[in-house]
Amino acid sequence: MKKSIYTLVAGVLLIAATSCKKDYTCDCVYTDDLGTEQTSTSQIEDSKLDDAKAECESMSGSVSIGGFDADQECKLDVI
């Protein structure tokens, strides 16, 4: 009986630990074709790790405006 209770408690703790939502920081580096870099930070609030990572990485990309090219690379800052 005691073993069953410990197994149940361990299972509940495991589920609670893997499904909790937290706040994350997304760090982005914006580089233009002249080599100028700018950094920015965005907060992703109340999200699961996989969802936050996908949202942050979706901010990465390239853009071309008026003959100038720029790239932005974003990575999730996980502590």
PDB file of N, CA and C in Angstrom:
ATOM      1  N   MET A   1       0.821  -1.192   0.000  1.00  0.00           N
ATOM      2  CA  MET A   1       0.000   0.000   0.000  1.00  0.00           C
ATOM      3  C   MET A   1       0.868   1.260   0.000  1.00  0.00           C
ATOM      4  N   LYS A   2       1.914   1.240   0.846  1.00  0.00           N
ATOM      5  CA  LYS A   2       2.801   2.381   0.942  1.00  0.00           C
ATOM      6  C   LYS A   2       3.498   2.649  -0.395  1.00  0.00           C
ATOM      7  N   LYS A   3       3.888   1.574  -1.074  1.00  0.00           N
ATOM      8  CA  LYS A   3       4.567   1.704  -2.365  1.00  0.00           C
ATOM      9  C   LYS A   3       3.636   2.318  -3.406  1.00  0.00           C
ATOM     10  N   SER A   4       2.375   1.977  -3.381  1.00  0.00           N
ATOM     11  CA  SER A   4       1.402   2.531  -4.320  1.00  0.00           C
ATOM     12  C   SER A   4       1.212   4.032  -4.112  1.00  0.00           C
ATOM     13  N   ILE A   5       1.208   4.451  -2.877  1.00  0.00           N
ATOM     14  CA  ILE A   5       1.049   5.875  -2.578  1.00  0.00           C
ATOM     15  C   ILE A   5       2.261   6.649  -3.076  1.00  0.00           C
ATOM     16  N   TYR A   6       3.467   6.123  -2.831  1.00  0.00           N
ATOM     17  CA  TYR A   6       4.686   6.792  -3.311  1.00  0.00           C
ATOM     18  C   TYR A   6       4.705   6.865  -4.836  1.00  0.00           C
ATOM     19  N   THR A   7       4.275   5.827  -5.496  1.00  0.00           N
ATOM     20  CA  THR A   7       4.236   5.807  -6.961  1.00  0.00           C
ATOM     21  C   THR A   7       3.245   6.846  -7.474  1.00  0.00           C
ATOM     22  N   LEU A   8       2.098   6.937  -6.845  1.00  0.00           N
ATOM     23  CA  LEU A   8       1.084   7.920  -7.227  1.00  0.00           C
ATOM     24  C   LEU A   8       1.595   9.344  -7.034  1.00  0.00           C
ATOM     25  N   VAL A   9       2.214   9.611  -5.896  1.00  0.00           N
ATOM     26  CA  VAL A   9       2.746  10.946  -5.613  1.00  0.00           C
ATOM     27  C   VAL A   9       3.843  11.297  -6.616  1.00  0.00           C
ATOM     28  N   ALA A  10       4.724  10.363  -6.916  1.00  0.00           N
ATOM     29  CA  ALA A  10       5.797  10.603  -7.883  1.00  0.00           C
ATOM     30  C   ALA A  10       5.221  10.910  -9.262  1.00  0.00           C
ATOM     31  N   GLY A  11       4.188  10.213  -9.664  1.00  0.00           N
ATOM     32  CA  GLY A  11       3.552  10.452 -10.955  1.00  0.00           C
ATOM     33  C   GLY A  11       2.926  11.828 -11.039  1.00  0.00           C
ATOM     34  N   VAL A  12       2.254  12.245  -9.993  1.00  0.00           N
ATOM     35  CA  VAL A  12       1.625  13.567  -9.955  1.00  0.00           C
ATOM     36  C   VAL A  12       2.693  14.658 -10.012  1.00  0.00           C
ATOM     37  N   LEU A  13       3.780  14.492  -9.272  1.00  0.00           N
ATOM     38  CA  LEU A  13       4.857  15.489  -9.290  1.00  0.00           C
ATOM     39  C   LEU A  13       5.515  15.574 -10.660  1.00  0.00           C
ATOM     40  N   LEU A  14       5.686  14.453 -11.324  1.00  0.00           N
ATOM     41  CA  LEU A  14       6.289  14.440 -12.652  1.00  0.00           C
ATOM     42  C   LEU A  14       5.418  15.181 -13.657  1.00  0.00           C
ATOM     43  N   ILE A  15       4.130  14.934 -13.616  1.00  0.00           N
ATOM     44  CA  ILE A  15       3.193  15.612 -14.524  1.00  0.00           C
ATOM     45  C   ILE A  15       3.180  17.112 -14.236  1.00  0.00           C
ATOM     46  N   ALA A  16       3.167  17.494 -12.979  1.00  0.00           N
ATOM     47  CA  ALA A  16       3.140  18.911 -12.615  1.00  0.00           C
ATOM     48  C   ALA A  16       4.420  19.615 -13.061  1.00  0.00           C
ATOM     49  N   ALA A  17       5.555  18.949 -12.951  1.00  0.00           N
ATOM     50  CA  ALA A  17       6.829  19.567 -13.319  1.00  0.00           C
ATOM     51  C   ALA A  17       6.967  19.758 -14.822  1.00  0.00           C
ATOM     52  N   THR A  18       6.425  18.870 -15.629  1.00  0.00           N
ATOM     53  CA  THR A  18       6.601  18.963 -17.071  1.00  0.00           C
ATOM     54  C   THR A  18       5.553  19.835 -17.752  1.00  0.00           C
ATOM     55  N   SER A  19       4.486  20.146 -17.080  1.00  0.00           N
ATOM     56  CA  SER A  19       3.432  20.914 -17.736  1.00  0.00           C
ATOM     57  C   SER A  19       3.313  22.349 -17.223  1.00  0.00           C
ATOM     58  N   CYS A  20       4.260  22.784 -16.376  1.00  0.00           N
ATOM     59  CA  CYS A  20       4.127  24.130 -15.829  1.00  0.00           C
ATOM     60  C   CYS A  20       4.511  25.180 -16.867  1.00  0.00           C
ATOM     61  N   LYS A  21       3.858  26.295 -16.769  1.00  0.00           N
ATOM     62  CA  LYS A  21       4.112  27.405 -17.681  1.00  0.00           C
ATOM     63  C   LYS A  21       4.946  28.450 -16.953  1.00  0.00           C
ATOM     64  N   LYS A  22       5.883  29.037 -17.685  1.00  0.00           N
ATOM     65  CA  LYS A  22       6.785  30.019 -17.106  1.00  0.00           C
ATOM     66  C   LYS A  22       6.924  31.199 -18.051  1.00  0.00           C
ATOM     67  N   ASP A  23       7.656  32.192 -17.591  1.00  0.00           N
ATOM     68  CA  ASP A  23       8.017  33.327 -18.434  1.00  0.00           C
ATOM     69  C   ASP A  23       9.425  33.098 -18.972  1.00  0.00           C
ATOM     70  N   TYR A  24       9.635  33.407 -20.242  1.00  0.00           N
ATOM     71  CA  TYR A  24      10.931  33.215 -20.887  1.00  0.00           C
ATOM     72  C   TYR A  24      11.375  34.505 -21.552  1.00  0.00           C
ATOM     73  N   THR A  25      12.673  34.593 -21.833  1.00  0.00           N
ATOM     74  CA  THR A  25      13.254  35.740 -22.505  1.00  0.00           C
ATOM     75  C   THR A  25      13.773  35.306 -23.866  1.00  0.00           C
ATOM     76  N   CYS A  26      13.410  36.054 -24.897  1.00  0.00           N
ATOM     77  CA  CYS A  26      13.857  35.797 -26.258  1.00  0.00           C
ATOM     78  C   CYS A  26      14.838  36.900 -26.648  1.00  0.00           C
ATOM     79  N   ASP A  27      16.089  36.516 -26.919  1.00  0.00           N
ATOM     80  CA  ASP A  27      17.124  37.473 -27.303  1.00  0.00           C
ATOM     81  C   ASP A  27      17.308  37.449 -28.808  1.00  0.00           C
ATOM     82  N   CYS A  28      17.248  38.620 -29.441  1.00  0.00           N
ATOM     83  CA  CYS A  28      17.384  38.739 -30.893  1.00  0.00           C
ATOM     84  C   CYS A  28      18.559  39.648 -31.248  1.00  0.00           C
ATOM     85  N   VAL A  29      19.285  39.269 -32.300  1.00  0.00           N
ATOM     86  CA  VAL A  29      20.363  40.087 -32.847  1.00  0.00           C
ATOM     87  C   VAL A  29      19.981  40.434 -34.276  1.00  0.00           C
ATOM     88  N   TYR A  30      19.904  41.728 -34.565  1.00  0.00           N
ATOM     89  CA  TYR A  30      19.520  42.254 -35.868  1.00  0.00           C
ATOM     90  C   TYR A  30      20.795  42.776 -36.527  1.00  0.00           C
ATOM     91  N   THR A  31      21.156  42.238 -37.695  1.00  0.00           N
ATOM     92  CA  THR A  31      22.374  42.629 -38.396  1.00  0.00           C
ATOM     93  C   THR A  31      22.019  43.101 -39.802  1.00  0.00           C
ATOM     94  N   ASP A  32      22.422  44.342 -40.145  1.00  0.00           N
ATOM     95  CA  ASP A  32      22.166  44.827 -41.502  1.00  0.00           C
ATOM     96  C   ASP A  32      23.355  44.499 -42.402  1.00  0.00           C
ATOM     97  N   ASP A  33      23.233  44.803 -43.686  1.00  0.00           N
ATOM     98  CA  ASP A  33      24.284  44.429 -44.640  1.00  0.00           C
ATOM     99  C   ASP A  33      25.543  45.285 -44.502  1.00  0.00           C
ATOM    100  N   LEU A  34      25.497  46.295 -43.646  1.00  0.00           N
ATOM    101  CA  LEU A  34      26.686  47.091 -43.350  1.00  0.00           C
ATOM    102  C   LEU A  34      27.447  46.531 -42.150  1.00  0.00           C
ATOM    103  N   GLY A  35      26.891  45.499 -41.535  1.00  0.00           N
ATOM    104  CA  GLY A  35      27.528  44.873 -40.378  1.00  0.00           C
ATOM    105  C   GLY A  35      27.125  45.463 -39.045  1.00  0.00           C
ATOM    106  N   THR A  36      26.200  46.400 -39.064  1.00  0.00           N
ATOM    107  CA  THR A  36      25.728  47.007 -37.827  1.00  0.00           C
ATOM    108  C   THR A  36      24.803  46.038 -37.105  1.00  0.00           C
ATOM    109  N   GLU A  37      25.066  45.843 -35.814  1.00  0.00           N
ATOM    110  CA  GLU A  37      24.242  44.925 -35.014  1.00  0.00           C
ATOM    111  C   GLU A  37      23.465  45.692 -33.963  1.00  0.00           C
ATOM    112  N   GLN A  38      22.246  45.271 -33.766  1.00  0.00           N
ATOM    113  CA  GLN A  38      21.404  45.779 -32.689  1.00  0.00           C
ATOM    114  C   GLN A  38      20.794  44.576 -31.992  1.00  0.00           C
ATOM    115  N   THR A  39      20.641  44.672 -30.706  1.00  0.00           N
ATOM    116  CA  THR A  39      20.032  43.574 -29.959  1.00  0.00           C
ATOM    117  C   THR A  39      18.700  44.031 -29.374  1.00  0.00           C
ATOM    118  N   SER A  40      17.819  43.073 -29.215  1.00  0.00           N
ATOM    119  CA  SER A  40      16.538  43.343 -28.564  1.00  0.00           C
ATOM    120  C   SER A  40      16.142  42.118 -27.754  1.00  0.00           C
ATOM    121  N   THR A  41      15.334  42.362 -26.773  1.00  0.00           N
ATOM    122  CA  THR A  41      14.870  41.300 -25.892  1.00  0.00           C
ATOM    123  C   THR A  41      13.352  41.368 -25.805  1.00  0.00           C
ATOM    124  N   SER A  42      12.716  40.221 -25.922  1.00  0.00           N
ATOM    125  CA  SER A  42      11.262  40.129 -25.800  1.00  0.00           C
ATOM    126  C   SER A  42      10.911  39.137 -24.702  1.00  0.00           C
ATOM    127  N   GLN A  43       9.842  39.410 -24.008  1.00  0.00           N
ATOM    128  CA  GLN A  43       9.356  38.503 -22.982  1.00  0.00           C
ATOM    129  C   GLN A  43       8.256  37.627 -23.561  1.00  0.00           C
ATOM    130  N   ILE A  44       8.356  36.337 -23.308  1.00  0.00           N
ATOM    131  CA  ILE A  44       7.292  35.399 -23.666  1.00  0.00           C
ATOM    132  C   ILE A  44       6.734  34.900 -22.343  1.00  0.00           C
ATOM    133  N   GLU A  45       5.525  35.278 -22.058  1.00  0.00           N
ATOM    134  CA  GLU A  45       4.947  35.022 -20.747  1.00  0.00           C
ATOM    135  C   GLU A  45       4.012  33.820 -20.739  1.00  0.00           C
ATOM    136  N   ASP A  46       4.009  33.140 -19.597  1.00  0.00           N
ATOM    137  CA  ASP A  46       3.060  32.061 -19.313  1.00  0.00           C
ATOM    138  C   ASP A  46       3.014  31.032 -20.442  1.00  0.00           C
ATOM    139  N   SER A  47       4.178  30.440 -20.734  1.00  0.00           N
ATOM    140  CA  SER A  47       4.285  29.518 -21.860  1.00  0.00           C
ATOM    141  C   SER A  47       5.084  28.283 -21.469  1.00  0.00           C
ATOM    142  N   LYS A  48       4.823  27.188 -22.137  1.00  0.00           N
ATOM    143  CA  LYS A  48       5.629  25.984 -21.966  1.00  0.00           C
ATOM    144  C   LYS A  48       6.919  26.168 -22.750  1.00  0.00           C
ATOM    145  N   LEU A  49       7.963  25.451 -22.370  1.00  0.00           N
ATOM    146  CA  LEU A  49       9.275  25.604 -22.978  1.00  0.00           C
ATOM    147  C   LEU A  49       9.240  25.419 -24.490  1.00  0.00           C
ATOM    148  N   ASP A  50       8.622  24.350 -24.979  1.00  0.00           N
ATOM    149  CA  ASP A  50       8.580  24.095 -26.423  1.00  0.00           C
ATOM    150  C   ASP A  50       7.827  25.182 -27.171  1.00  0.00           C
ATOM    151  N   ASP A  51       6.735  25.663 -26.594  1.00  0.00           N
ATOM    152  CA  ASP A  51       5.949  26.726 -27.228  1.00  0.00           C
ATOM    153  C   ASP A  51       6.736  28.042 -27.256  1.00  0.00           C
ATOM    154  N   ALA A  52       7.425  28.348 -26.163  1.00  0.00           N
ATOM    155  CA  ALA A  52       8.221  29.573 -26.090  1.00  0.00           C
ATOM    156  C   ALA A  52       9.376  29.525 -27.088  1.00  0.00           C
ATOM    157  N   LYS A  53      10.001  28.368 -27.203  1.00  0.00           N
ATOM    158  CA  LYS A  53      11.112  28.213 -28.146  1.00  0.00           C
ATOM    159  C   LYS A  53      10.628  28.417 -29.583  1.00  0.00           C
ATOM    160  N   ALA A  54       9.503  27.840 -29.923  1.00  0.00           N
ATOM    161  CA  ALA A  54       8.951  27.983 -31.274  1.00  0.00           C
ATOM    162  C   ALA A  54       8.574  29.436 -31.554  1.00  0.00           C
ATOM    163  N   GLU A  55       7.970  30.107 -30.582  1.00  0.00           N
ATOM    164  CA  GLU A  55       7.577  31.504 -30.773  1.00  0.00           C
ATOM    165  C   GLU A  55       8.799  32.391 -30.959  1.00  0.00           C
ATOM    166  N   CYS A  56       9.828  32.153 -30.166  1.00  0.00           N
ATOM    167  CA  CYS A  56      11.046  32.956 -30.267  1.00  0.00           C
ATOM    168  C   CYS A  56      11.733  32.742 -31.622  1.00  0.00           C
ATOM    169  N   GLU A  57      11.897  31.494 -32.014  1.00  0.00           N
ATOM    170  CA  GLU A  57      12.567  31.194 -33.277  1.00  0.00           C
ATOM    171  C   GLU A  57      11.774  31.696 -34.484  1.00  0.00           C
ATOM    172  N   SER A  58      10.463  31.846 -34.328  1.00  0.00           N
ATOM    173  CA  SER A  58       9.653  32.359 -35.435  1.00  0.00           C
ATOM    174  C   SER A  58       9.927  33.840 -35.700  1.00  0.00           C
ATOM    175  N   MET A  59      10.561  34.530 -34.764  1.00  0.00           N
ATOM    176  CA  MET A  59      10.910  35.932 -34.941  1.00  0.00           C
ATOM    177  C   MET A  59      12.175  36.100 -35.791  1.00  0.00           C
ATOM    178  N   SER A  60      12.894  35.012 -36.053  1.00  0.00           N
ATOM    179  CA  SER A  60      14.104  35.060 -36.871  1.00  0.00           C
ATOM    180  C   SER A  60      13.731  35.165 -38.343  1.00  0.00           C
ATOM    181  N   GLY A  61      14.613  35.799 -39.118  1.00  0.00           N
ATOM    182  CA  GLY A  61      14.363  35.873 -40.547  1.00  0.00           C
ATOM    183  C   GLY A  61      15.164  36.970 -41.216  1.00  0.00           C
ATOM    184  N   SER A  62      14.933  37.124 -42.498  1.00  0.00           N
ATOM    185  CA  SER A  62      15.610  38.136 -43.315  1.00  0.00           C
ATOM    186  C   SER A  62      14.575  39.073 -43.916  1.00  0.00           C
ATOM    187  N   VAL A  63      15.031  40.307 -44.154  1.00  0.00           N
ATOM    188  CA  VAL A  63      14.148  41.291 -44.774  1.00  0.00           C
ATOM    189  C   VAL A  63      14.987  42.151 -45.709  1.00  0.00           C
ATOM    190  N   SER A  64      14.377  42.588 -46.793  1.00  0.00           N
ATOM    191  CA  SER A  64      15.036  43.475 -47.745  1.00  0.00           C
ATOM    192  C   SER A  64      14.144  44.691 -47.948  1.00  0.00           C
ATOM    193  N   ILE A  65      14.678  45.860 -47.600  1.00  0.00           N
ATOM    194  CA  ILE A  65      13.913  47.098 -47.716  1.00  0.00           C
ATOM    195  C   ILE A  65      14.758  48.133 -48.462  1.00  0.00           C
ATOM    196  N   GLY A  66      14.264  48.600 -49.578  1.00  0.00           N
ATOM    197  CA  GLY A  66      14.941  49.645 -50.323  1.00  0.00           C
ATOM    198  C   GLY A  66      16.366  49.295 -50.710  1.00  0.00           C
ATOM    199  N   GLY A  67      16.616  48.067 -51.047  1.00  0.00           N
ATOM    200  CA  GLY A  67      17.955  47.648 -51.436  1.00  0.00           C
ATOM    201  C   GLY A  67      18.874  47.278 -50.291  1.00  0.00           C
ATOM    202  N   PHE A  68      18.408  47.414 -49.064  1.00  0.00           N
ATOM    203  CA  PHE A  68      19.203  47.027 -47.906  1.00  0.00           C
ATOM    204  C   PHE A  68      18.683  45.703 -47.361  1.00  0.00           C
ATOM    205  N   ASP A  69      19.608  44.826 -47.037  1.00  0.00           N
ATOM    206  CA  ASP A  69      19.246  43.526 -46.470  1.00  0.00           C
ATOM    207  C   ASP A  69      19.575  43.509 -44.987  1.00  0.00           C
ATOM    208  N   ALA A  70      18.770  42.793 -44.234  1.00  0.00           N
ATOM    209  CA  ALA A  70      19.005  42.652 -42.802  1.00  0.00           C
ATOM    210  C   ALA A  70      18.548  41.273 -42.366  1.00  0.00           C
ATOM    211  N   ASP A  71      19.236  40.739 -41.382  1.00  0.00           N
ATOM    212  CA  ASP A  71      18.906  39.439 -40.797  1.00  0.00           C
ATOM    213  C   ASP A  71      18.646  39.624 -39.316  1.00  0.00           C
ATOM    214  N   GLN A  72      17.706  38.848 -38.819  1.00  0.00           N
ATOM    215  CA  GLN A  72      17.449  38.821 -37.386  1.00  0.00           C
ATOM    216  C   GLN A  72      17.469  37.380 -36.921  1.00  0.00           C
ATOM    217  N   GLU A  73      18.294  37.101 -35.924  1.00  0.00           N
ATOM    218  CA  GLU A  73      18.366  35.751 -35.366  1.00  0.00           C
ATOM    219  C   GLU A  73      17.971  35.818 -33.900  1.00  0.00           C
ATOM    220  N   CYS A  74      17.008  34.984 -33.539  1.00  0.00           N
ATOM    221  CA  CYS A  74      16.481  34.997 -32.176  1.00  0.00           C
ATOM    222  C   CYS A  74      16.664  33.628 -31.525  1.00  0.00           C
ATOM    223  N   LYS A  75      17.052  33.674 -30.248  1.00  0.00           N
ATOM    224  CA  LYS A  75      17.229  32.445 -29.473  1.00  0.00           C
ATOM    225  C   LYS A  75      16.608  32.625 -28.108  1.00  0.00           C
ATOM    226  N   LEU A  76      16.024  31.553 -27.611  1.00  0.00           N
ATOM    227  CA  LEU A  76      15.399  31.577 -26.295  1.00  0.00           C
ATOM    228  C   LEU A  76      16.484  31.492 -25.232  1.00  0.00           C
ATOM    229  N   ASP A  77      16.423  32.367 -24.271  1.00  0.00           N
ATOM    230  CA  ASP A  77      17.364  32.376 -23.161  1.00  0.00           C
ATOM    231  C   ASP A  77      16.792  31.497 -22.056  1.00  0.00           C
ATOM    232  N   VAL A  78      17.328  30.284 -21.944  1.00  0.00           N
ATOM    233  CA  VAL A  78      16.846  29.334 -20.933  1.00  0.00           C
ATOM    234  C   VAL A  78      17.882  29.231 -19.828  1.00  0.00           C
ATOM    235  N   ILE A  79      17.443  29.522 -18.629  1.00  0.00           N
ATOM    236  CA  ILE A  79      18.359  29.490 -17.480  1.00  0.00           C
ATOM    237  C   ILE A  79      18.288  28.139 -16.818  1.00  0.00           C
TER     238      ILE A  79
END
